[in-house]
């Protein structure tokens, strides 16, 4: 649990700083509190996904990743839908979160597999 919280803090900080720098270069002086809270919620889901990748194990490693990814992506879509009940969503909100979350999940899977491969070689 402590490792998950630490991962959340690190990822959230990096994302917030990166987003702030990007927005300043883009000419936007401030980020809304709602956007920051959404980022925190999605970061928490992402960290839980990383923990699921490590904990969910089937005989097939690909199946393990797909199950963890599917559960997490479903939670993300439900979160976006629920948020849309209270705030208007960008027309491409689902598409954007799908591509961003999928790309990050793929990178994480690749990193975990690389780490496993390196450990086996030792």
PDB file of N, CA and C in Angstrom:
ATOM      1  N   UNK A   1       0.827  -1.196   0.000  1.00  0.00           N
ATOM      2  CA  UNK A   1       0.000   0.000   0.000  1.00  0.00           C
ATOM      3  C   UNK A   1       0.867   1.253   0.000  1.00  0.00           C
ATOM      4  N   UNK A   2       1.930   1.207   0.804  1.00  0.00           N
ATOM      5  CA  UNK A   2       2.828   2.354   0.883  1.00  0.00           C
ATOM      6  C   UNK A   2       3.500   2.601  -0.470  1.00  0.00           C
ATOM      7  N   UNK A   3       3.870   1.504  -1.139  1.00  0.00           N
ATOM      8  CA  UNK A   3       4.505   1.620  -2.451  1.00  0.00           C
ATOM      9  C   UNK A   3       3.535   2.230  -3.472  1.00  0.00           C
ATOM     10  N   UNK A   4       2.258   1.837  -3.388  1.00  0.00           N
ATOM     11  CA  UNK A   4       1.245   2.390  -4.287  1.00  0.00           C
ATOM     12  C   UNK A   4       1.041   3.876  -4.066  1.00  0.00           C
ATOM     13  N   UNK A   5       1.009   4.290  -2.792  1.00  0.00           N
ATOM     14  CA  UNK A   5       0.839   5.709  -2.484  1.00  0.00           C
ATOM     15  C   UNK A   5       2.042   6.513  -2.971  1.00  0.00           C
ATOM     16  N   UNK A   6       3.238   5.969  -2.775  1.00  0.00           N
ATOM     17  CA  UNK A   6       4.444   6.645  -3.248  1.00  0.00           C
ATOM     18  C   UNK A   6       4.425   6.758  -4.774  1.00  0.00           C
ATOM     19  N   UNK A   7       4.019   5.695  -5.443  1.00  0.00           N
ATOM     20  CA  UNK A   7       3.919   5.731  -6.908  1.00  0.00           C
ATOM     21  C   UNK A   7       2.917   6.786  -7.352  1.00  0.00           C
ATOM     22  N   UNK A   8       1.772   6.846  -6.664  1.00  0.00           N
ATOM     23  CA  UNK A   8       0.763   7.859  -6.978  1.00  0.00           C
ATOM     24  C   UNK A   8       1.359   9.255  -6.861  1.00  0.00           C
ATOM     25  N   UNK A   9       2.050   9.524  -5.759  1.00  0.00           N
ATOM     26  CA  UNK A   9       2.629  10.855  -5.535  1.00  0.00           C
ATOM     27  C   UNK A   9       3.628  11.224  -6.621  1.00  0.00           C
ATOM     28  N   UNK A  10       4.476  10.284  -6.979  1.00  0.00           N
ATOM     29  CA  UNK A  10       5.497  10.557  -7.992  1.00  0.00           C
ATOM     30  C   UNK A  10       4.846  10.810  -9.352  1.00  0.00           C
ATOM     31  N   UNK A  11       3.948   9.912  -9.757  1.00  0.00           N
ATOM     32  CA  UNK A  11       3.310  10.051 -11.070  1.00  0.00           C
ATOM     33  C   UNK A  11       2.479  11.328 -11.136  1.00  0.00           C
ATOM     34  N   UNK A  12       1.710  11.608 -10.095  1.00  0.00           N
ATOM     35  CA  UNK A  12       0.874  12.808 -10.077  1.00  0.00           C
ATOM     36  C   UNK A  12       1.730  14.070 -10.155  1.00  0.00           C
ATOM     37  N   UNK A  13       2.822  14.100  -9.424  1.00  0.00           N
ATOM     38  CA  UNK A  13       3.711  15.263  -9.451  1.00  0.00           C
ATOM     39  C   UNK A  13       4.313  15.463 -10.837  1.00  0.00           C
ATOM     40  N   UNK A  14       4.808  14.396 -11.422  1.00  0.00           N
ATOM     41  CA  UNK A  14       5.409  14.498 -12.755  1.00  0.00           C
ATOM     42  C   UNK A  14       4.364  14.954 -13.779  1.00  0.00           C
ATOM     43  N   UNK A  15       3.167  14.369 -13.733  1.00  0.00           N
ATOM     44  CA  UNK A  15       2.117  14.770 -14.673  1.00  0.00           C
ATOM     45  C   UNK A  15       1.697  16.222 -14.483  1.00  0.00           C
ATOM     46  N   UNK A  16       1.573  16.656 -13.240  1.00  0.00           N
ATOM     47  CA  UNK A  16       1.145  18.026 -12.967  1.00  0.00           C
ATOM     48  C   UNK A  16       2.198  19.029 -13.422  1.00  0.00           C
ATOM     49  N   UNK A  17       3.451  18.752 -13.141  1.00  0.00           N
ATOM     50  CA  UNK A  17       4.524  19.661 -13.567  1.00  0.00           C
ATOM     51  C   UNK A  17       4.610  19.696 -15.091  1.00  0.00           C
ATOM     52  N   UNK A  18       4.548  18.534 -15.722  1.00  0.00           N
ATOM     53  CA  UNK A  18       4.596  18.481 -17.184  1.00  0.00           C
ATOM     54  C   UNK A  18       3.420  19.237 -17.799  1.00  0.00           C
ATOM     55  N   UNK A  19       2.234  19.022 -17.251  1.00  0.00           N
ATOM     56  CA  UNK A  19       1.046  19.719 -17.747  1.00  0.00           C
ATOM     57  C   UNK A  19       1.170  21.225 -17.558  1.00  0.00           C
ATOM     58  N   UNK A  20       1.689  21.644 -16.420  1.00  0.00           N
ATOM     59  CA  UNK A  20       1.851  23.080 -16.153  1.00  0.00           C
ATOM     60  C   UNK A  20       2.828  23.722 -17.133  1.00  0.00           C
ATOM     61  N   UNK A  21       3.934  23.056 -17.378  1.00  0.00           N
ATOM     62  CA  UNK A  21       4.920  23.581 -18.330  1.00  0.00           C
ATOM     63  C   UNK A  21       4.299  23.668 -19.721  1.00  0.00           C
ATOM     64  N   UNK A  22       3.581  22.608 -20.114  1.00  0.00           N
ATOM     65  CA  UNK A  22       2.934  22.576 -21.428  1.00  0.00           C
ATOM     66  C   UNK A  22       1.934  23.718 -21.567  1.00  0.00           C
ATOM     67  N   UNK A  23       1.134  23.947 -20.522  1.00  0.00           N
ATOM     68  CA  UNK A  23       0.129  25.003 -20.570  1.00  0.00           C
ATOM     69  C   UNK A  23       0.768  26.386 -20.618  1.00  0.00           C
ATOM     70  N   UNK A  24       1.847  26.585 -19.903  1.00  0.00           N
ATOM     71  CA  UNK A  24       2.529  27.882 -19.945  1.00  0.00           C
ATOM     72  C   UNK A  24       3.083  28.158 -21.339  1.00  0.00           C
ATOM     73  N   UNK A  25       3.664  27.139 -21.969  1.00  0.00           N
ATOM     74  CA  UNK A  25       4.147  27.310 -23.337  1.00  0.00           C
ATOM     75  C   UNK A  25       2.994  27.554 -24.304  1.00  0.00           C
ATOM     76  N   UNK A  26       1.827  27.008 -23.981  1.00  0.00           N
ATOM     77  CA  UNK A  26       0.651  27.150 -24.833  1.00  0.00           C
ATOM     78  C   UNK A  26      -0.101  28.454 -24.563  1.00  0.00           C
ATOM     79  N   UNK A  27       0.324  29.214 -23.559  1.00  0.00           N
ATOM     80  CA  UNK A  27      -0.296  30.498 -23.261  1.00  0.00           C
ATOM     81  C   UNK A  27      -1.442  30.445 -22.272  1.00  0.00           C
ATOM     82  N   UNK A  28      -1.644  29.315 -21.616  1.00  0.00           N
ATOM     83  CA  UNK A  28      -2.696  29.200 -20.602  1.00  0.00           C
ATOM     84  C   UNK A  28      -2.061  29.421 -19.227  1.00  0.00           C
ATOM     85  N   UNK A  29      -2.454  30.476 -18.532  1.00  0.00           N
ATOM     86  CA  UNK A  29      -1.785  30.799 -17.270  1.00  0.00           C
ATOM     87  C   UNK A  29      -2.180  29.926 -16.083  1.00  0.00           C
ATOM     88  N   UNK A  30      -3.339  29.263 -16.123  1.00  0.00           N
ATOM     89  CA  UNK A  30      -3.781  28.521 -14.939  1.00  0.00           C
ATOM     90  C   UNK A  30      -4.510  27.238 -15.328  1.00  0.00           C
ATOM     91  N   UNK A  31      -4.512  26.305 -14.407  1.00  0.00           N
ATOM     92  CA  UNK A  31      -5.231  25.052 -14.563  1.00  0.00           C
ATOM     93  C   UNK A  31      -6.383  25.051 -13.567  1.00  0.00           C
ATOM     94  N   UNK A  32      -7.517  24.517 -13.933  1.00  0.00           N
ATOM     95  CA  UNK A  32      -8.657  24.528 -13.014  1.00  0.00           C
ATOM     96  C   UNK A  32      -8.490  23.455 -11.941  1.00  0.00           C
ATOM     97  N   UNK A  33      -9.081  23.715 -10.797  1.00  0.00           N
ATOM     98  CA  UNK A  33      -9.027  22.738  -9.710  1.00  0.00           C
ATOM     99  C   UNK A  33      -9.722  21.441 -10.098  1.00  0.00           C
ATOM    100  N   UNK A  34     -10.781  21.546 -10.874  1.00  0.00           N
ATOM    101  CA  UNK A  34     -11.494  20.350 -11.324  1.00  0.00           C
ATOM    102  C   UNK A  34     -10.581  19.486 -12.184  1.00  0.00           C
ATOM    103  N   UNK A  35      -9.830  20.122 -13.062  1.00  0.00           N
ATOM    104  CA  UNK A  35      -8.913  19.382 -13.928  1.00  0.00           C
ATOM    105  C   UNK A  35      -7.837  18.684 -13.096  1.00  0.00           C
ATOM    106  N   UNK A  36      -7.329  19.360 -12.094  1.00  0.00           N
ATOM    107  CA  UNK A  36      -6.301  18.767 -11.233  1.00  0.00           C
ATOM    108  C   UNK A  36      -6.876  17.582 -10.450  1.00  0.00           C
ATOM    109  N   UNK A  37      -8.102  17.714  -9.954  1.00  0.00           N
ATOM    110  CA  UNK A  37      -8.730  16.602  -9.235  1.00  0.00           C
ATOM    111  C   UNK A  37      -9.000  15.420 -10.167  1.00  0.00           C
ATOM    112  N   UNK A  38      -9.391  15.700 -11.405  1.00  0.00           N
ATOM    113  CA  UNK A  38      -9.565  14.620 -12.386  1.00  0.00           C
ATOM    114  C   UNK A  38      -8.243  13.920 -12.665  1.00  0.00           C
ATOM    115  N   UNK A  39      -7.189  14.692 -12.783  1.00  0.00           N
ATOM    116  CA  UNK A  39      -5.868  14.106 -13.004  1.00  0.00           C
ATOM    117  C   UNK A  39      -5.495  13.205 -11.828  1.00  0.00           C
ATOM    118  N   UNK A  40      -5.794  13.647 -10.612  1.00  0.00           N
ATOM    119  CA  UNK A  40      -5.504  12.834  -9.425  1.00  0.00           C
ATOM    120  C   UNK A  40      -6.290  11.523  -9.463  1.00  0.00           C
ATOM    121  N   UNK A  41      -7.563  11.584  -9.831  1.00  0.00           N
ATOM    122  CA  UNK A  41      -8.386  10.369  -9.891  1.00  0.00           C
ATOM    123  C   UNK A  41      -7.859   9.402 -10.949  1.00  0.00           C
ATOM    124  N   UNK A  42      -7.541   9.913 -12.119  1.00  0.00           N
ATOM    125  CA  UNK A  42      -7.032   9.053 -13.187  1.00  0.00           C
ATOM    126  C   UNK A  42      -5.646   8.514 -12.854  1.00  0.00           C
ATOM    127  N   UNK A  43      -4.840   9.300 -12.153  1.00  0.00           N
ATOM    128  CA  UNK A  43      -3.533   8.819 -11.713  1.00  0.00           C
ATOM    129  C   UNK A  43      -3.701   7.692 -10.704  1.00  0.00           C
ATOM    130  N   UNK A  44      -4.653   7.828  -9.795  1.00  0.00           N
ATOM    131  CA  UNK A  44      -4.916   6.761  -8.820  1.00  0.00           C
ATOM    132  C   UNK A  44      -5.340   5.476  -9.536  1.00  0.00           C
ATOM    133  N   UNK A  45      -6.177   5.604 -10.553  1.00  0.00           N
ATOM    134  CA  UNK A  45      -6.586   4.429 -11.326  1.00  0.00           C
ATOM    135  C   UNK A  45      -5.376   3.830 -12.036  1.00  0.00           C
ATOM    136  N   UNK A  46      -4.522   4.675 -12.589  1.00  0.00           N
ATOM    137  CA  UNK A  46      -3.326   4.191 -13.286  1.00  0.00           C
ATOM    138  C   UNK A  46      -2.385   3.452 -12.336  1.00  0.00           C
ATOM    139  N   UNK A  47      -2.196   3.977 -11.144  1.00  0.00           N
ATOM    140  CA  UNK A  47      -1.324   3.313 -10.165  1.00  0.00           C
ATOM    141  C   UNK A  47      -1.935   1.973  -9.754  1.00  0.00           C
ATOM    142  N   UNK A  48      -3.241   1.936  -9.586  1.00  0.00           N
ATOM    143  CA  UNK A  48      -3.913   0.660  -9.285  1.00  0.00           C
ATOM    144  C   UNK A  48      -3.724  -0.327 -10.435  1.00  0.00           C
ATOM    145  N   UNK A  49      -3.710   0.178 -11.654  1.00  0.00           N
ATOM    146  CA  UNK A  49      -3.473  -0.672 -12.818  1.00  0.00           C
ATOM    147  C   UNK A  49      -2.083  -1.279 -12.761  1.00  0.00           C
ATOM    148  N   UNK A  50      -1.100  -0.470 -12.420  1.00  0.00           N
ATOM    149  CA  UNK A  50       0.271  -0.976 -12.297  1.00  0.00           C
ATOM    150  C   UNK A  50       0.315  -2.072 -11.236  1.00  0.00           C
ATOM    151  N   UNK A  51      -0.363  -1.844 -10.123  1.00  0.00           N
ATOM    152  CA  UNK A  51      -0.395  -2.852  -9.066  1.00  0.00           C
ATOM    153  C   UNK A  51      -1.125  -4.114  -9.541  1.00  0.00           C
ATOM    154  N   UNK A  52      -2.188  -3.944 -10.337  1.00  0.00           N
ATOM    155  CA  UNK A  52      -2.890  -5.099 -10.897  1.00  0.00           C
ATOM    156  C   UNK A  52      -2.001  -5.879 -11.857  1.00  0.00           C
ATOM    157  N   UNK A  53      -1.218  -5.170 -12.664  1.00  0.00           N
ATOM    158  CA  UNK A  53      -0.301  -5.849 -13.580  1.00  0.00           C
ATOM    159  C   UNK A  53       0.628  -6.777 -12.805  1.00  0.00           C
ATOM    160  N   UNK A  54       1.046  -6.342 -11.630  1.00  0.00           N
ATOM    161  CA  UNK A  54       1.971  -7.143 -10.827  1.00  0.00           C
ATOM    162  C   UNK A  54       1.259  -8.261 -10.061  1.00  0.00           C
ATOM    163  N   UNK A  55      -0.010  -8.062  -9.712  1.00  0.00           N
ATOM    164  CA  UNK A  55      -0.714  -9.013  -8.841  1.00  0.00           C
ATOM    165  C   UNK A  55      -1.553 -10.050  -9.583  1.00  0.00           C
ATOM    166  N   UNK A  56      -2.159  -9.670 -10.699  1.00  0.00           N
ATOM    167  CA  UNK A  56      -3.031 -10.593 -11.430  1.00  0.00           C
ATOM    168  C   UNK A  56      -2.160 -11.510 -12.273  1.00  0.00           C
ATOM    169  N   UNK A  57      -2.235 -12.796 -11.978  1.00  0.00           N
ATOM    170  CA  UNK A  57      -1.391 -13.730 -12.722  1.00  0.00           C
ATOM    171  C   UNK A  57      -2.219 -14.900 -13.242  1.00  0.00           C
ATOM    172  N   UNK A  58      -2.086 -15.123 -14.517  1.00  0.00           N
ATOM    173  CA  UNK A  58      -2.643 -16.292 -15.179  1.00  0.00           C
ATOM    174  C   UNK A  58      -1.473 -17.029 -15.811  1.00  0.00           C
ATOM    175  N   UNK A  59      -1.744 -18.191 -16.374  1.00  0.00           N
ATOM    176  CA  UNK A  59      -0.659 -18.919 -17.034  1.00  0.00           C
ATOM    177  C   UNK A  59      -0.094 -18.109 -18.197  1.00  0.00           C
ATOM    178  N   UNK A  60      -0.975 -17.399 -18.877  1.00  0.00           N
ATOM    179  CA  UNK A  60      -0.549 -16.540 -19.980  1.00  0.00           C
ATOM    180  C   UNK A  60      -0.297 -15.123 -19.456  1.00  0.00           C
ATOM    181  N   UNK A  61       0.908 -14.644 -19.640  1.00  0.00           N
ATOM    182  CA  UNK A  61       1.258 -13.289 -19.199  1.00  0.00           C
ATOM    183  C   UNK A  61       0.415 -12.252 -19.945  1.00  0.00           C
ATOM    184  N   UNK A  62       0.170 -12.494 -21.223  1.00  0.00           N
ATOM    185  CA  UNK A  62      -0.637 -11.564 -22.019  1.00  0.00           C
ATOM    186  C   UNK A  62      -2.051 -11.483 -21.453  1.00  0.00           C
ATOM    187  N   UNK A  63      -2.617 -12.622 -21.083  1.00  0.00           N
ATOM    188  CA  UNK A  63      -3.953 -12.632 -20.491  1.00  0.00           C
ATOM    189  C   UNK A  63      -3.969 -11.858 -19.172  1.00  0.00           C
ATOM    190  N   UNK A  64      -2.914 -12.000 -18.384  1.00  0.00           N
ATOM    191  CA  UNK A  64      -2.820 -11.252 -17.121  1.00  0.00           C
ATOM    192  C   UNK A  64      -2.864  -9.750 -17.378  1.00  0.00           C
ATOM    193  N   UNK A  65      -2.093  -9.297 -18.349  1.00  0.00           N
ATOM    194  CA  UNK A  65      -2.075  -7.872 -18.680  1.00  0.00           C
ATOM    195  C   UNK A  65      -3.423  -7.417 -19.248  1.00  0.00           C
ATOM    196  N   UNK A  66      -4.016  -8.237 -20.111  1.00  0.00           N
ATOM    197  CA  UNK A  66      -5.294  -7.857 -20.723  1.00  0.00           C
ATOM    198  C   UNK A  66      -6.420  -7.763 -19.697  1.00  0.00           C
ATOM    199  N   UNK A  67      -6.445  -8.674 -18.742  1.00  0.00           N
ATOM    200  CA  UNK A  67      -7.483  -8.621 -17.708  1.00  0.00           C
ATOM    201  C   UNK A  67      -7.313  -7.364 -16.859  1.00  0.00           C
ATOM    202  N   UNK A  68      -6.090  -7.104 -16.404  1.00  0.00           N
ATOM    203  CA  UNK A  68      -5.836  -5.909 -15.587  1.00  0.00           C
ATOM    204  C   UNK A  68      -6.151  -4.636 -16.371  1.00  0.00           C
ATOM    205  N   UNK A  69      -5.736  -4.595 -17.637  1.00  0.00           N
ATOM    206  CA  UNK A  69      -6.007  -3.428 -18.481  1.00  0.00           C
ATOM    207  C   UNK A  69      -7.508  -3.248 -18.694  1.00  0.00           C
ATOM    208  N   UNK A  70      -8.222  -4.327 -18.977  1.00  0.00           N
ATOM    209  CA  UNK A  70      -9.665  -4.244 -19.236  1.00  0.00           C
ATOM    210  C   UNK A  70     -10.429  -3.743 -18.015  1.00  0.00           C
ATOM    211  N   UNK A  71     -10.076  -4.251 -16.849  1.00  0.00           N
ATOM    212  CA  UNK A  71     -10.723  -3.795 -15.615  1.00  0.00           C
ATOM    213  C   UNK A  71     -10.455  -2.305 -15.411  1.00  0.00           C
ATOM    214  N   UNK A  72      -9.210  -1.905 -15.556  1.00  0.00           N
ATOM    215  CA  UNK A  72      -8.841  -0.503 -15.340  1.00  0.00           C
ATOM    216  C   UNK A  72      -9.469   0.420 -16.374  1.00  0.00           C
ATOM    217  N   UNK A  73      -9.468   0.004 -17.641  1.00  0.00           N
ATOM    218  CA  UNK A  73     -10.059   0.839 -18.690  1.00  0.00           C
ATOM    219  C   UNK A  73     -11.553   0.992 -18.453  1.00  0.00           C
ATOM    220  N   UNK A  74     -12.204  -0.060 -17.993  1.00  0.00           N
ATOM    221  CA  UNK A  74     -13.634   0.029 -17.666  1.00  0.00           C
ATOM    222  C   UNK A  74     -13.873   1.034 -16.546  1.00  0.00           C
ATOM    223  N   UNK A  75     -13.026   0.994 -15.534  1.00  0.00           N
ATOM    224  CA  UNK A  75     -13.149   1.948 -14.425  1.00  0.00           C
ATOM    225  C   UNK A  75     -12.945   3.377 -14.929  1.00  0.00           C
ATOM    226  N   UNK A  76     -11.984   3.564 -15.813  1.00  0.00           N
ATOM    227  CA  UNK A  76     -11.732   4.894 -16.373  1.00  0.00           C
ATOM    228  C   UNK A  76     -12.958   5.387 -17.149  1.00  0.00           C
ATOM    229  N   UNK A  77     -13.533   4.533 -17.986  1.00  0.00           N
ATOM    230  CA  UNK A  77     -14.712   4.943 -18.757  1.00  0.00           C
ATOM    231  C   UNK A  77     -15.897   5.259 -17.848  1.00  0.00           C
ATOM    232  N   UNK A  78     -16.085   4.469 -16.805  1.00  0.00           N
ATOM    233  CA  UNK A  78     -17.167   4.752 -15.856  1.00  0.00           C
ATOM    234  C   UNK A  78     -16.905   6.079 -15.152  1.00  0.00           C
ATOM    235  N   UNK A  79     -15.650   6.323 -14.787  1.00  0.00           N
ATOM    236  CA  UNK A  79     -15.305   7.592 -14.143  1.00  0.00           C
ATOM    237  C   UNK A  79     -15.612   8.764 -15.077  1.00  0.00           C
ATOM    238  N   UNK A  80     -15.214   8.671 -16.336  1.00  0.00           N
ATOM    239  CA  UNK A  80     -15.469   9.747 -17.303  1.00  0.00           C
ATOM    240  C   UNK A  80     -16.976   9.943 -17.480  1.00  0.00           C
ATOM    241  N   UNK A  81     -17.713   8.843 -17.604  1.00  0.00           N
ATOM    242  CA  UNK A  81     -19.166   8.938 -17.747  1.00  0.00           C
ATOM    243  C   UNK A  81     -19.776   9.626 -16.528  1.00  0.00           C
ATOM    244  N   UNK A  82     -19.364   9.200 -15.332  1.00  0.00           N
ATOM    245  CA  UNK A  82     -19.898   9.777 -14.098  1.00  0.00           C
ATOM    246  C   UNK A  82     -19.568  11.266 -14.008  1.00  0.00           C
ATOM    247  N   UNK A  83     -18.334  11.625 -14.344  1.00  0.00           N
ATOM    248  CA  UNK A  83     -17.931  13.029 -14.328  1.00  0.00           C
ATOM    249  C   UNK A  83     -18.770  13.835 -15.315  1.00  0.00           C
ATOM    250  N   UNK A  84     -19.098  13.222 -16.449  1.00  0.00           N
ATOM    251  CA  UNK A  84     -19.904  13.891 -17.464  1.00  0.00           C
ATOM    252  C   UNK A  84     -21.322  14.213 -17.005  1.00  0.00           C
ATOM    253  N   UNK A  85     -21.779  13.568 -15.948  1.00  0.00           N
ATOM    254  CA  UNK A  85     -23.096  13.892 -15.397  1.00  0.00           C
ATOM    255  C   UNK A  85     -23.107  15.264 -14.725  1.00  0.00           C
ATOM    256  N   UNK A  86     -21.932  15.737 -14.300  1.00  0.00           N
ATOM    257  CA  UNK A  86     -21.835  16.988 -13.547  1.00  0.00           C
ATOM    258  C   UNK A  86     -21.166  18.123 -14.314  1.00  0.00           C
ATOM    259  N   UNK A  87     -20.307  17.786 -15.245  1.00  0.00           N
ATOM    260  CA  UNK A  87     -19.577  18.777 -16.029  1.00  0.00           C
ATOM    261  C   UNK A  87     -19.657  18.379 -17.500  1.00  0.00           C
ATOM    262  N   UNK A  88     -19.714  19.357 -18.393  1.00  0.00           N
ATOM    263  CA  UNK A  88     -19.697  18.996 -19.819  1.00  0.00           C
ATOM    264  C   UNK A  88     -18.333  18.407 -20.192  1.00  0.00           C
ATOM    265  N   UNK A  89     -18.369  17.366 -20.997  1.00  0.00           N
ATOM    266  CA  UNK A  89     -17.142  16.712 -21.444  1.00  0.00           C
ATOM    267  C   UNK A  89     -16.732  17.249 -22.808  1.00  0.00           C
ATOM    268  N   UNK A  90     -15.454  17.211 -23.066  1.00  0.00           N
ATOM    269  CA  UNK A  90     -14.943  17.503 -24.398  1.00  0.00           C
ATOM    270  C   UNK A  90     -15.521  16.446 -25.338  1.00  0.00           C
ATOM    271  N   UNK A  91     -15.849  16.807 -26.579  1.00  0.00           N
ATOM    272  CA  UNK A  91     -16.435  15.821 -27.501  1.00  0.00           C
ATOM    273  C   UNK A  91     -15.571  14.568 -27.695  1.00  0.00           C
ATOM    274  N   UNK A  92     -14.266  14.714 -27.556  1.00  0.00           N
ATOM    275  CA  UNK A  92     -13.358  13.581 -27.749  1.00  0.00           C
ATOM    276  C   UNK A  92     -12.835  13.021 -26.431  1.00  0.00           C
ATOM    277  N   UNK A  93     -13.533  13.244 -25.335  1.00  0.00           N
ATOM    278  CA  UNK A  93     -13.034  12.843 -24.014  1.00  0.00           C
ATOM    279  C   UNK A  93     -12.755  11.344 -23.932  1.00  0.00           C
ATOM    280  N   UNK A  94     -13.684  10.536 -24.398  1.00  0.00           N
ATOM    281  CA  UNK A  94     -13.498   9.082 -24.312  1.00  0.00           C
ATOM    282  C   UNK A  94     -12.345   8.619 -25.195  1.00  0.00           C
ATOM    283  N   UNK A  95     -12.286   9.162 -26.398  1.00  0.00           N
ATOM    284  CA  UNK A  95     -11.206   8.792 -27.308  1.00  0.00           C
ATOM    285  C   UNK A  95      -9.855   9.193 -26.735  1.00  0.00           C
ATOM    286  N   UNK A  96      -9.762  10.421 -26.231  1.00  0.00           N
ATOM    287  CA  UNK A  96      -8.498  10.914 -25.691  1.00  0.00           C
ATOM    288  C   UNK A  96      -8.020  10.082 -24.507  1.00  0.00           C
ATOM    289  N   UNK A  97      -8.933   9.793 -23.580  1.00  0.00           N
ATOM    290  CA  UNK A  97      -8.526   9.020 -22.411  1.00  0.00           C
ATOM    291  C   UNK A  97      -8.181   7.586 -22.819  1.00  0.00           C
ATOM    292  N   UNK A  98      -8.874   7.045 -23.816  1.00  0.00           N
ATOM    293  CA  UNK A  98      -8.550   5.699 -24.290  1.00  0.00           C
ATOM    294  C   UNK A  98      -7.135   5.646 -24.854  1.00  0.00           C
ATOM    295  N   UNK A  99      -6.803   6.586 -25.739  1.00  0.00           N
ATOM    296  CA  UNK A  99      -5.469   6.577 -26.337  1.00  0.00           C
ATOM    297  C   UNK A  99      -4.378   6.846 -25.301  1.00  0.00           C
ATOM    298  N   UNK A 100      -4.596   7.819 -24.428  1.00  0.00           N
ATOM    299  CA  UNK A 100      -3.585   8.127 -23.414  1.00  0.00           C
ATOM    300  C   UNK A 100      -3.384   6.962 -22.451  1.00  0.00           C
ATOM    301  N   UNK A 101      -4.470   6.412 -21.949  1.00  0.00           N
ATOM    302  CA  UNK A 101      -4.377   5.323 -20.980  1.00  0.00           C
ATOM    303  C   UNK A 101      -3.784   4.072 -21.625  1.00  0.00           C
ATOM    304  N   UNK A 102      -4.179   3.780 -22.862  1.00  0.00           N
ATOM    305  CA  UNK A 102      -3.672   2.599 -23.558  1.00  0.00           C
ATOM    306  C   UNK A 102      -2.181   2.734 -23.846  1.00  0.00           C
ATOM    307  N   UNK A 103      -1.757   3.906 -24.288  1.00  0.00           N
ATOM    308  CA  UNK A 103      -0.332   4.113 -24.575  1.00  0.00           C
ATOM    309  C   UNK A 103       0.505   3.941 -23.312  1.00  0.00           C
ATOM    310  N   UNK A 104       0.050   4.513 -22.217  1.00  0.00           N
ATOM    311  CA  UNK A 104       0.797   4.397 -20.965  1.00  0.00           C
ATOM    312  C   UNK A 104       0.791   2.951 -20.479  1.00  0.00           C
ATOM    313  N   UNK A 105      -0.342   2.268 -20.596  1.00  0.00           N
ATOM    314  CA  UNK A 105      -0.414   0.862 -20.186  1.00  0.00           C
ATOM    315  C   UNK A 105       0.542   0.009 -21.016  1.00  0.00           C
ATOM    316  N   UNK A 106       0.638   0.280 -22.306  1.00  0.00           N
ATOM    317  CA  UNK A 106       1.552  -0.469 -23.169  1.00  0.00           C
ATOM    318  C   UNK A 106       3.000  -0.247 -22.755  1.00  0.00           C
ATOM    319  N   UNK A 107       3.347   0.992 -22.448  1.00  0.00           N
ATOM    320  CA  UNK A 107       4.712   1.300 -22.003  1.00  0.00           C
ATOM    321  C   UNK A 107       5.008   0.587 -20.683  1.00  0.00           C
ATOM    322  N   UNK A 108       4.043   0.583 -19.776  1.00  0.00           N
ATOM    323  CA  UNK A 108       4.240  -0.079 -18.486  1.00  0.00           C
ATOM    324  C   UNK A 108       4.407  -1.584 -18.678  1.00  0.00           C
ATOM    325  N   UNK A 109       3.578  -2.189 -19.521  1.00  0.00           N
ATOM    326  CA  UNK A 109       3.709  -3.624 -19.799  1.00  0.00           C
ATOM    327  C   UNK A 109       5.076  -3.941 -20.389  1.00  0.00           C
ATOM    328  N   UNK A 110       5.510  -3.119 -21.317  1.00  0.00           N
ATOM    329  CA  UNK A 110       6.823  -3.308 -21.929  1.00  0.00           C
ATOM    330  C   UNK A 110       7.928  -3.182 -20.886  1.00  0.00           C
ATOM    331  N   UNK A 111       7.818  -2.190 -20.002  1.00  0.00           N
ATOM    332  CA  UNK A 111       8.824  -2.007 -18.950  1.00  0.00           C
ATOM    333  C   UNK A 111       8.838  -3.193 -17.989  1.00  0.00           C
ATOM    334  N   UNK A 112       7.665  -3.683 -17.613  1.00  0.00           N
ATOM    335  CA  UNK A 112       7.599  -4.838 -16.709  1.00  0.00           C
ATOM    336  C   UNK A 112       8.187  -6.084 -17.366  1.00  0.00           C
ATOM    337  N   UNK A 113       7.887  -6.288 -18.635  1.00  0.00           N
ATOM    338  CA  UNK A 113       8.434  -7.445 -19.345  1.00  0.00           C
ATOM    339  C   UNK A 113       9.947  -7.332 -19.520  1.00  0.00           C
ATOM    340  N   UNK A 114      10.425  -6.131 -19.806  1.00  0.00           N
ATOM    341  CA  UNK A 114      11.867  -5.914 -19.922  1.00  0.00           C
ATOM    342  C   UNK A 114      12.547  -6.195 -18.592  1.00  0.00           C
ATOM    343  N   UNK A 115      11.947  -5.719 -17.512  1.00  0.00           N
ATOM    344  CA  UNK A 115      12.487  -5.960 -16.177  1.00  0.00           C
ATOM    345  C   UNK A 115      12.531  -7.459 -15.872  1.00  0.00           C
ATOM    346  N   UNK A 116      11.477  -8.180 -16.203  1.00  0.00           N
ATOM    347  CA  UNK A 116      11.433  -9.629 -15.987  1.00  0.00           C
ATOM    348  C   UNK A 116      12.492 -10.328 -16.827  1.00  0.00           C
ATOM    349  N   UNK A 117      12.650  -9.908 -18.068  1.00  0.00           N
ATOM    350  CA  UNK A 117      13.644 -10.499 -18.963  1.00  0.00           C
ATOM    351  C   UNK A 117      15.055 -10.290 -18.424  1.00  0.00           C
ATOM    352  N   UNK A 118      15.349  -9.087 -17.954  1.00  0.00           N
ATOM    353  CA  UNK A 118      16.679  -8.779 -17.417  1.00  0.00           C
ATOM    354  C   UNK A 118      16.947  -9.603 -16.159  1.00  0.00           C
ATOM    355  N   UNK A 119      15.941  -9.738 -15.301  1.00  0.00           N
ATOM    356  CA  UNK A 119      16.113 -10.527 -14.074  1.00  0.00           C
ATOM    357  C   UNK A 119      16.374 -11.997 -14.393  1.00  0.00           C
ATOM    358  N   UNK A 120      15.724 -12.528 -15.421  1.00  0.00           N
ATOM    359  CA  UNK A 120      15.943 -13.929 -15.810  1.00  0.00           C
ATOM    360  C   UNK A 120      17.338 -14.146 -16.367  1.00  0.00           C
ATOM    361  N   UNK A 121      17.879 -13.150 -17.042  1.00  0.00           N
ATOM    362  CA  UNK A 121      19.212 -13.260 -17.640  1.00  0.00           C
ATOM    363  C   UNK A 121      20.310 -13.293 -16.581  1.00  0.00           C
ATOM    364  N   UNK A 122      20.030 -12.723 -15.417  1.00  0.00           N
ATOM    365  CA  UNK A 122      21.053 -12.671 -14.357  1.00  0.00           C
ATOM    366  C   UNK A 122      21.205 -13.970 -13.719  1.00  0.00           C
TER     367      UNK A 122
END
